[in-house]
Amino acid sequence: MTITGFFSAHSNGTDQTARVLVWEQMLHQALRLLEEAQRRVCSPDGQEQLRKLDGWWRVTKSKLNGKVCLVPSEEAISEALCTEMERIRDEIVLKKFPVDATMAGVDTLAVASEQPRKIKTGIGKRSKPTDIRIYRLNSDNLDLRIEAKVVLREADIKNAYLSGSGLKRFSDPREPYTNREIGGMVAYALTDDKATWLARIDHALRVSTPPVPTFKHRIQTSPDETLFSRVPCATGTSVRNEVLVFHVVLEFACEPDARP
């Protein structure tokens, strides 16, 4: 399976070439912004500033690999990433940050945290906002909704990442996480490395009940393949009954560092 194959399977026989191209560019730019934002958030200067802020750390400490650690909160990480992504986008527009032609049009990308869902049953404190939203201005279709989860232990994949408050939000018939073809999951890894967590997530998807089909796909000029899964969803149409969800792991650190 590829992105092209996914769109073709739900196309009702129509040509999906143009749609695939614009989505691949959208994904490429969004993932590059996320990766550079993570690098900046984790830089010595970034950590020095963020760790001073009330709310960066969870209230409760966790014991990890024999250490009692302060753990950054998911909401704080997501907000910091969105702030940096906006800054990076503006630097690209002002030619202060060098990029290649694949980032053309990045000035039309908007980034926000804690955004309301398109279809919802509550508002205010009763709303269930999406963690990160990256969307193309003046386009209703190019709207990426990304669910974020902090992962500390392997059990967090089943208990949080794949749960009703994680990946299964994309299958919520009353309040679907997105009503677009593609969404995303990002794991904020505080122990072990990116490759280890991606392998765990891929395995957990394939052995879940029922199994969630996965595949890996290289997006444009990216040096690495991205993990995707096909998640059942209720769109209200007979043409598409799945959403394509990408899976990304970003590494962050506890205090003290919980990695072996």
C-alpha atoms as a PDB file:
ATOM      1  CA  MET A   1       0.000   0.000   0.000  1.00  0.00           C
ATOM      2  CA  THR A   2       1.092   3.594  -0.723  1.00  0.00           C
ATOM      3  CA  ILE A   3      -0.563   6.988  -0.349  1.00  0.00           C
ATOM      4  CA  THR A   4      -1.555   6.723  -4.005  1.00  0.00           C
ATOM      5  CA  GLY A   5      -3.042   3.280  -3.374  1.00  0.00           C
ATOM      6  CA  PHE A   6      -5.026   4.560  -0.398  1.00  0.00           C
ATOM      7  CA  PHE A   7      -6.559   7.421  -2.359  1.00  0.00           C
ATOM      8  CA  SER A   8      -7.260   5.175  -5.352  1.00  0.00           C
ATOM      9  CA  ALA A   9      -9.046   2.638  -3.134  1.00  0.00           C
ATOM     10  CA  HIS A  10     -11.469   5.342  -1.986  1.00  0.00           C
ATOM     11  CA  SER A  11     -11.765   7.309  -5.238  1.00  0.00           C
ATOM     12  CA  ASN A  12     -14.858   5.690  -6.762  1.00  0.00           C
ATOM     13  CA  GLY A  13     -12.866   5.456  -9.989  1.00  0.00           C
ATOM     14  CA  THR A  14     -11.823   9.121 -10.289  1.00  0.00           C
ATOM     15  CA  ASP A  15      -8.235  10.234 -10.983  1.00  0.00           C
ATOM     16  CA  GLN A  16      -6.486  11.047  -7.687  1.00  0.00           C
ATOM     17  CA  THR A  17      -3.102  12.193  -9.055  1.00  0.00           C
ATOM     18  CA  ALA A  18      -3.506  15.877  -8.193  1.00  0.00           C
ATOM     19  CA  ARG A  19      -4.909  15.144  -4.729  1.00  0.00           C
ATOM     20  CA  VAL A  20      -1.997  12.831  -3.920  1.00  0.00           C
ATOM     21  CA  LEU A  21       0.550  15.445  -5.022  1.00  0.00           C
ATOM     22  CA  VAL A  22      -0.867  18.249  -2.869  1.00  0.00           C
ATOM     23  CA  TRP A  23      -1.224  15.966   0.159  1.00  0.00           C
ATOM     24  CA  GLU A  24       2.355  14.686  -0.209  1.00  0.00           C
ATOM     25  CA  GLN A  25       3.637  18.263  -0.297  1.00  0.00           C
ATOM     26  CA  MET A  26       1.504  19.085   2.743  1.00  0.00           C
ATOM     27  CA  LEU A  27       2.844  16.083   4.664  1.00  0.00           C
ATOM     28  CA  HIS A  28       6.440  16.789   3.645  1.00  0.00           C
ATOM     29  CA  GLN A  29       6.265  20.382   4.852  1.00  0.00           C
ATOM     30  CA  ALA A  30       4.409  19.545   8.062  1.00  0.00           C
ATOM     31  CA  LEU A  31       6.865  16.818   9.044  1.00  0.00           C
ATOM     32  CA  ARG A  32       9.881  19.009   8.277  1.00  0.00           C
ATOM     33  CA  LEU A  33       8.449  21.761  10.455  1.00  0.00           C
ATOM     34  CA  LEU A  34       7.791  19.272  13.266  1.00  0.00           C
ATOM     35  CA  GLU A  35      11.317  17.844  13.104  1.00  0.00           C
ATOM     36  CA  GLU A  36      13.022  21.245  13.111  1.00  0.00           C
ATOM     37  CA  ALA A  37      10.725  22.448  15.898  1.00  0.00           C
ATOM     38  CA  GLN A  38      11.657  19.399  17.988  1.00  0.00           C
ATOM     39  CA  ARG A  39      15.348  20.138  17.451  1.00  0.00           C
ATOM     40  CA  ARG A  40      14.887  23.714  18.669  1.00  0.00           C
ATOM     41  CA  VAL A  41      12.721  22.787  21.644  1.00  0.00           C
ATOM     42  CA  CYS A  42      15.356  20.250  22.736  1.00  0.00           C
ATOM     43  CA  SER A  43      18.324  22.567  22.180  1.00  0.00           C
ATOM     44  CA  PRO A  44      20.142  23.838  25.296  1.00  0.00           C
ATOM     45  CA  ASP A  45      18.697  27.331  24.807  1.00  0.00           C
ATOM     46  CA  GLY A  46      15.208  25.971  24.218  1.00  0.00           C
ATOM     47  CA  GLN A  47      15.286  23.789  27.304  1.00  0.00           C
ATOM     48  CA  GLU A  48      16.721  26.552  29.453  1.00  0.00           C
ATOM     49  CA  GLN A  49      13.774  28.782  28.593  1.00  0.00           C
ATOM     50  CA  LEU A  50      11.026  26.150  28.708  1.00  0.00           C
ATOM     51  CA  ARG A  51      12.055  24.520  31.988  1.00  0.00           C
ATOM     52  CA  LYS A  52      11.664  27.871  33.742  1.00  0.00           C
ATOM     53  CA  LEU A  53       8.004  28.098  32.763  1.00  0.00           C
ATOM     54  CA  ASP A  54       5.249  27.066  35.140  1.00  0.00           C
ATOM     55  CA  GLY A  55       3.486  24.103  33.520  1.00  0.00           C
ATOM     56  CA  TRP A  56       6.374  22.608  31.556  1.00  0.00           C
ATOM     57  CA  TRP A  57       6.593  19.697  33.985  1.00  0.00           C
ATOM     58  CA  ARG A  58       3.797  17.386  35.041  1.00  0.00           C
ATOM     59  CA  VAL A  59       2.718  17.812  38.648  1.00  0.00           C
ATOM     60  CA  THR A  60       3.533  14.182  39.493  1.00  0.00           C
ATOM     61  CA  LYS A  61       7.014  12.718  39.103  1.00  0.00           C
ATOM     62  CA  SER A  62       7.570   9.260  37.567  1.00  0.00           C
ATOM     63  CA  LYS A  63      10.076   6.544  38.418  1.00  0.00           C
ATOM     64  CA  LEU A  64      11.829   5.569  35.175  1.00  0.00           C
ATOM     65  CA  ASN A  65      14.804   3.230  34.884  1.00  0.00           C
ATOM     66  CA  GLY A  66      15.475   3.562  38.602  1.00  0.00           C
ATOM     67  CA  LYS A  67      15.315   7.375  38.602  1.00  0.00           C
ATOM     68  CA  VAL A  68      12.613   9.653  39.999  1.00  0.00           C
ATOM     69  CA  CYS A  69      12.036  12.079  37.142  1.00  0.00           C
ATOM     70  CA  LEU A  70      10.238  15.256  36.273  1.00  0.00           C
ATOM     71  CA  VAL A  71       8.285  14.606  33.063  1.00  0.00           C
ATOM     72  CA  PRO A  72       7.265  17.342  30.598  1.00  0.00           C
ATOM     73  CA  SER A  73       3.526  17.525  29.973  1.00  0.00           C
ATOM     74  CA  GLU A  74       1.991  16.694  26.603  1.00  0.00           C
ATOM     75  CA  GLU A  75       0.187  20.037  26.438  1.00  0.00           C
ATOM     76  CA  ALA A  76       3.394  21.972  27.129  1.00  0.00           C
ATOM     77  CA  ILE A  77       5.374  20.086  24.489  1.00  0.00           C
ATOM     78  CA  SER A  78       2.631  20.549  21.886  1.00  0.00           C
ATOM     79  CA  GLU A  79       2.385  24.279  22.562  1.00  0.00           C
ATOM     80  CA  ALA A  80       6.167  24.696  22.385  1.00  0.00           C
ATOM     81  CA  LEU A  81       6.309  22.805  19.080  1.00  0.00           C
ATOM     82  CA  CYS A  82       3.545  24.936  17.564  1.00  0.00           C
ATOM     83  CA  THR A  83       5.293  28.133  18.648  1.00  0.00           C
ATOM     84  CA  GLU A  84       8.541  26.987  17.036  1.00  0.00           C
ATOM     85  CA  MET A  85       6.820  25.806  13.841  1.00  0.00           C
ATOM     86  CA  GLU A  86       5.287  29.246  13.391  1.00  0.00           C
ATOM     87  CA  ARG A  87       8.689  30.848  13.964  1.00  0.00           C
ATOM     88  CA  ILE A  88      10.382  28.516  11.464  1.00  0.00           C
ATOM     89  CA  ARG A  89       7.710  29.180   8.844  1.00  0.00           C
ATOM     90  CA  ASP A  90       8.217  32.928   9.238  1.00  0.00           C
ATOM     91  CA  GLU A  91      12.003  32.538   8.975  1.00  0.00           C
ATOM     92  CA  ILE A  92      11.572  30.587   5.739  1.00  0.00           C
ATOM     93  CA  VAL A  93       9.337  33.312   4.316  1.00  0.00           C
ATOM     94  CA  LEU A  94      11.912  35.974   5.281  1.00  0.00           C
ATOM     95  CA  LYS A  95      14.712  33.781   3.865  1.00  0.00           C
ATOM     96  CA  LYS A  96      16.392  33.568   7.277  1.00  0.00           C
ATOM     97  CA  PHE A  97      16.179  29.761   7.264  1.00  0.00           C
ATOM     98  CA  PRO A  98      17.566  27.989   4.166  1.00  0.00           C
ATOM     99  CA  VAL A  99      15.293  25.423   2.506  1.00  0.00           C
ATOM    100  CA  ASP A 100      14.883  23.784  -0.888  1.00  0.00           C
ATOM    101  CA  ALA A 101      12.080  24.052  -3.445  1.00  0.00           C
ATOM    102  CA  THR A 102       9.982  21.398  -1.670  1.00  0.00           C
ATOM    103  CA  MET A 103       9.066  24.016   0.949  1.00  0.00           C
ATOM    104  CA  ALA A 104       7.531  26.377  -1.624  1.00  0.00           C
ATOM    105  CA  GLY A 105       4.203  27.731  -0.417  1.00  0.00           C
ATOM    106  CA  VAL A 106       4.994  27.172   3.265  1.00  0.00           C
ATOM    107  CA  ASP A 107       3.838  30.748   3.879  1.00  0.00           C
ATOM    108  CA  THR A 108       0.264  29.488   3.416  1.00  0.00           C
ATOM    109  CA  LEU A 109       0.597  26.972   6.273  1.00  0.00           C
ATOM    110  CA  ALA A 110      -0.947  27.833   9.628  1.00  0.00           C
ATOM    111  CA  VAL A 111      -0.184  26.048  12.902  1.00  0.00           C
ATOM    112  CA  ALA A 112      -2.180  25.922  16.132  1.00  0.00           C
ATOM    113  CA  SER A 113      -2.537  23.823  19.266  1.00  0.00           C
ATOM    114  CA  GLU A 114      -5.765  22.827  21.033  1.00  0.00           C
ATOM    115  CA  GLN A 115      -8.089  23.426  18.074  1.00  0.00           C
ATOM    116  CA  PRO A 116     -11.825  22.518  18.060  1.00  0.00           C
ATOM    117  CA  ARG A 117     -12.903  19.586  15.919  1.00  0.00           C
ATOM    118  CA  LYS A 118     -14.991  20.235  12.820  1.00  0.00           C
ATOM    119  CA  ILE A 119     -17.720  17.893  14.112  1.00  0.00           C
ATOM    120  CA  LYS A 120     -18.296  18.162  17.868  1.00  0.00           C
ATOM    121  CA  THR A 121     -20.914  17.649  20.558  1.00  0.00           C
ATOM    122  CA  GLY A 122     -19.467  20.040  23.146  1.00  0.00           C
ATOM    123  CA  ILE A 123     -17.969  23.503  23.512  1.00  0.00           C
ATOM    124  CA  GLY A 124     -15.703  25.255  26.010  1.00  0.00           C
ATOM    125  CA  LYS A 125     -14.755  22.869  28.806  1.00  0.00           C
ATOM    126  CA  ARG A 126     -16.883  20.188  27.142  1.00  0.00           C
ATOM    127  CA  SER A 127     -15.024  20.363  23.839  1.00  0.00           C
ATOM    128  CA  LYS A 128     -12.411  17.788  22.891  1.00  0.00           C
ATOM    129  CA  PRO A 129      -9.887  19.799  20.865  1.00  0.00           C
ATOM    130  CA  THR A 130      -7.259  18.324  18.585  1.00  0.00           C
ATOM    131  CA  ASP A 131      -3.729  18.619  19.981  1.00  0.00           C
ATOM    132  CA  ILE A 132      -1.974  20.046  16.903  1.00  0.00           C
ATOM    133  CA  ARG A 133      -3.503  21.447  13.740  1.00  0.00           C
ATOM    134  CA  ILE A 134      -1.437  22.215  10.626  1.00  0.00           C
ATOM    135  CA  TYR A 135      -3.532  23.504   7.774  1.00  0.00           C
ATOM    136  CA  ARG A 136      -3.306  25.274   4.439  1.00  0.00           C
ATOM    137  CA  LEU A 137      -4.969  28.685   4.411  1.00  0.00           C
ATOM    138  CA  ASN A 138      -7.927  28.988   2.034  1.00  0.00           C
ATOM    139  CA  SER A 139      -8.195  25.192   1.712  1.00  0.00           C
ATOM    140  CA  ASP A 140     -10.835  23.179   3.523  1.00  0.00           C
ATOM    141  CA  ASN A 141      -9.249  19.884   2.450  1.00  0.00           C
ATOM    142  CA  LEU A 142      -5.604  20.318   3.502  1.00  0.00           C
ATOM    143  CA  ASP A 143      -6.206  20.222   7.238  1.00  0.00           C
ATOM    144  CA  LEU A 144      -3.986  17.932   9.344  1.00  0.00           C
ATOM    145  CA  ARG A 145      -5.177  17.054  12.848  1.00  0.00           C
ATOM    146  CA  ILE A 146      -2.496  15.433  15.006  1.00  0.00           C
ATOM    147  CA  GLU A 147      -3.051  13.596  18.299  1.00  0.00           C
ATOM    148  CA  ALA A 148      -0.081  13.655  20.688  1.00  0.00           C
ATOM    149  CA  LYS A 149       0.793  11.256  23.490  1.00  0.00           C
ATOM    150  CA  VAL A 150       3.701  11.130  25.945  1.00  0.00           C
ATOM    151  CA  VAL A 151       5.114   7.597  26.087  1.00  0.00           C
ATOM    152  CA  LEU A 152       7.247   6.488  29.026  1.00  0.00           C
ATOM    153  CA  ARG A 153       6.772   2.725  29.127  1.00  0.00           C
ATOM    154  CA  GLU A 154       5.873   0.156  26.473  1.00  0.00           C
ATOM    155  CA  ALA A 155       2.457  -0.322  28.130  1.00  0.00           C
ATOM    156  CA  ASP A 156       1.651   3.302  27.256  1.00  0.00           C
ATOM    157  CA  ILE A 157       1.244   2.276  23.613  1.00  0.00           C
ATOM    158  CA  LYS A 158      -1.780   0.100  24.361  1.00  0.00           C
ATOM    159  CA  ASN A 159      -3.104   2.059  27.335  1.00  0.00           C
ATOM    160  CA  ALA A 160      -2.799   5.560  25.864  1.00  0.00           C
ATOM    161  CA  TYR A 161      -1.441   5.795  22.312  1.00  0.00           C
ATOM    162  CA  LEU A 162      -3.856   3.254  20.774  1.00  0.00           C
ATOM    163  CA  SER A 163      -6.700   3.845  23.228  1.00  0.00           C
ATOM    164  CA  GLY A 164      -9.997   5.684  22.993  1.00  0.00           C
ATOM    165  CA  SER A 165      -8.130   8.845  23.986  1.00  0.00           C
ATOM    166  CA  GLY A 166      -5.476   8.194  21.318  1.00  0.00           C
ATOM    167  CA  LEU A 167      -5.643   6.592  17.878  1.00  0.00           C
ATOM    168  CA  LYS A 168      -9.251   5.456  18.330  1.00  0.00           C
ATOM    169  CA  ARG A 169     -10.328   9.092  18.375  1.00  0.00           C
ATOM    170  CA  PHE A 170     -10.081   8.930  14.581  1.00  0.00           C
ATOM    171  CA  SER A 171     -12.828   6.270  14.659  1.00  0.00           C
ATOM    172  CA  ASP A 172     -15.189   8.226  16.930  1.00  0.00           C
ATOM    173  CA  PRO A 173     -18.530   8.301  15.021  1.00  0.00           C
ATOM    174  CA  ARG A 174     -19.928  11.261  16.988  1.00  0.00           C
ATOM    175  CA  GLU A 175     -16.822  13.446  17.168  1.00  0.00           C
ATOM    176  CA  PRO A 176     -14.290  12.209  14.586  1.00  0.00           C
ATOM    177  CA  TYR A 177     -10.790  13.570  15.158  1.00  0.00           C
ATOM    178  CA  THR A 178     -10.720  14.643  11.515  1.00  0.00           C
ATOM    179  CA  ASN A 179     -13.134  14.611   8.601  1.00  0.00           C
ATOM    180  CA  ARG A 180     -10.287  14.708   6.080  1.00  0.00           C
ATOM    181  CA  GLU A 181      -8.472  11.791   4.434  1.00  0.00           C
ATOM    182  CA  ILE A 182      -5.240  12.065   6.453  1.00  0.00           C
ATOM    183  CA  GLY A 183      -4.447  12.617  10.123  1.00  0.00           C
ATOM    184  CA  GLY A 184      -1.471  12.050  12.382  1.00  0.00           C
ATOM    185  CA  MET A 185      -0.220  10.613  15.653  1.00  0.00           C
ATOM    186  CA  VAL A 186       2.926  11.848  17.363  1.00  0.00           C
ATOM    187  CA  ALA A 187       4.558  10.075  20.296  1.00  0.00           C
ATOM    188  CA  TYR A 188       6.649  12.205  22.630  1.00  0.00           C
ATOM    189  CA  ALA A 189       9.274   9.666  23.704  1.00  0.00           C
ATOM    190  CA  LEU A 190      10.954  10.276  27.053  1.00  0.00           C
ATOM    191  CA  THR A 191      12.694   6.899  27.296  1.00  0.00           C
ATOM    192  CA  ASP A 192      14.533   4.891  24.624  1.00  0.00           C
ATOM    193  CA  ASP A 193      15.063   6.216  21.111  1.00  0.00           C
ATOM    194  CA  LYS A 194      12.913   7.013  18.089  1.00  0.00           C
ATOM    195  CA  ALA A 195      13.637   3.763  16.224  1.00  0.00           C
ATOM    196  CA  THR A 196      12.761   1.617  19.249  1.00  0.00           C
ATOM    197  CA  TRP A 197       9.437   3.374  19.790  1.00  0.00           C
ATOM    198  CA  LEU A 198       8.488   3.288  16.101  1.00  0.00           C
ATOM    199  CA  ALA A 199       9.097  -0.469  16.011  1.00  0.00           C
ATOM    200  CA  ARG A 200       6.947  -0.906  19.130  1.00  0.00           C
ATOM    201  CA  ILE A 201       4.123   1.177  17.664  1.00  0.00           C
ATOM    202  CA  ASP A 202       4.221  -0.686  14.339  1.00  0.00           C
ATOM    203  CA  HIS A 203       4.098  -4.042  16.138  1.00  0.00           C
ATOM    204  CA  ALA A 204       1.287  -2.937  18.465  1.00  0.00           C
ATOM    205  CA  LEU A 205      -0.814  -1.782  15.511  1.00  0.00           C
ATOM    206  CA  ARG A 206      -0.402  -5.069  13.657  1.00  0.00           C
ATOM    207  CA  VAL A 207      -1.208  -7.296  16.661  1.00  0.00           C
ATOM    208  CA  SER A 208      -4.093  -5.203  18.014  1.00  0.00           C
ATOM    209  CA  THR A 209      -7.659  -6.549  17.952  1.00  0.00           C
ATOM    210  CA  PRO A 210      -8.680  -6.098  15.224  1.00  0.00           C
ATOM    211  CA  PRO A 211      -5.294  -5.586  13.518  1.00  0.00           C
ATOM    212  CA  VAL A 212      -4.641  -2.110  12.096  1.00  0.00           C
ATOM    213  CA  PRO A 213      -3.019  -2.369   8.625  1.00  0.00           C
ATOM    214  CA  THR A 214       0.295  -0.497   8.349  1.00  0.00           C
ATOM    215  CA  PHE A 215       2.785   0.393   5.647  1.00  0.00           C
ATOM    216  CA  LYS A 216       5.853   2.603   5.262  1.00  0.00           C
ATOM    217  CA  HIS A 217       6.168   5.276   2.601  1.00  0.00           C
ATOM    218  CA  ARG A 218       8.924   7.738   1.712  1.00  0.00           C
ATOM    219  CA  ILE A 219       7.454  11.224   1.347  1.00  0.00           C
ATOM    220  CA  GLN A 220       9.115  13.252  -1.400  1.00  0.00           C
ATOM    221  CA  THR A 221      12.814  13.844  -0.559  1.00  0.00           C
ATOM    222  CA  SER A 222      12.676  12.640   3.045  1.00  0.00           C
ATOM    223  CA  PRO A 223      15.682  10.456   3.965  1.00  0.00           C
ATOM    224  CA  ASP A 224      13.472   8.148   6.052  1.00  0.00           C
ATOM    225  CA  GLU A 225      10.244   6.276   5.453  1.00  0.00           C
ATOM    226  CA  THR A 226       7.165   7.314   7.433  1.00  0.00           C
ATOM    227  CA  LEU A 227       4.917   4.761   9.141  1.00  0.00           C
ATOM    228  CA  PHE A 228       1.233   4.914   8.155  1.00  0.00           C
ATOM    229  CA  SER A 229      -1.846   3.016   9.313  1.00  0.00           C
ATOM    230  CA  ARG A 230      -5.335   2.708   7.845  1.00  0.00           C
ATOM    231  CA  VAL A 231      -7.844   3.445  10.594  1.00  0.00           C
ATOM    232  CA  PRO A 232     -11.602   2.764  10.304  1.00  0.00           C
ATOM    233  CA  CYS A 233     -13.730   5.888  10.432  1.00  0.00           C
ATOM    234  CA  ALA A 234     -17.336   6.957   9.950  1.00  0.00           C
ATOM    235  CA  THR A 235     -17.402   9.754   7.382  1.00  0.00           C
ATOM    236  CA  GLY A 236     -21.073   9.604   6.480  1.00  0.00           C
ATOM    237  CA  THR A 237     -20.237   8.553   2.920  1.00  0.00           C
ATOM    238  CA  SER A 238     -20.018   5.149   1.266  1.00  0.00           C
ATOM    239  CA  VAL A 239     -16.838   6.047  -0.657  1.00  0.00           C
ATOM    240  CA  ARG A 240     -14.340   6.345   2.231  1.00  0.00           C
ATOM    241  CA  ASN A 241     -14.497   4.372   5.465  1.00  0.00           C
ATOM    242  CA  GLU A 242     -10.869   4.837   6.554  1.00  0.00           C
ATOM    243  CA  VAL A 243      -8.522   7.651   7.487  1.00  0.00           C
ATOM    244  CA  LEU A 244      -4.811   7.413   6.705  1.00  0.00           C
ATOM    245  CA  VAL A 245      -2.850   8.167   9.887  1.00  0.00           C
ATOM    246  CA  PHE A 246       0.896   8.798   9.952  1.00  0.00           C
ATOM    247  CA  HIS A 247       2.951   7.935  13.032  1.00  0.00           C
ATOM    248  CA  VAL A 248       5.918  10.037  14.145  1.00  0.00           C
ATOM    249  CA  VAL A 249       8.128   9.757  17.224  1.00  0.00           C
ATOM    250  CA  LEU A 250       9.865  12.842  18.623  1.00  0.00           C
ATOM    251  CA  GLU A 251      12.425  12.504  21.411  1.00  0.00           C
ATOM    252  CA  PHE A 252      12.341  14.729  24.502  1.00  0.00           C
ATOM    253  CA  ALA A 253      13.997  14.503  27.924  1.00  0.00           C
ATOM    254  CA  CYS A 254      12.987  14.191  31.559  1.00  0.00           C
ATOM    255  CA  GLU A 255      14.933  15.682  34.473  1.00  0.00           C
ATOM    256  CA  PRO A 256      17.124  13.795  35.122  1.00  0.00           C
ATOM    257  CA  ASP A 257      17.308  12.117  31.702  1.00  0.00           C
ATOM    258  CA  ALA A 258      15.478   8.774  31.967  1.00  0.00           C
ATOM    259  CA  ARG A 259      17.268   7.073  29.067  1.00  0.00           C
ATOM    260  CA  PRO A 260      19.662   4.247  29.961  1.00  0.00           C
END
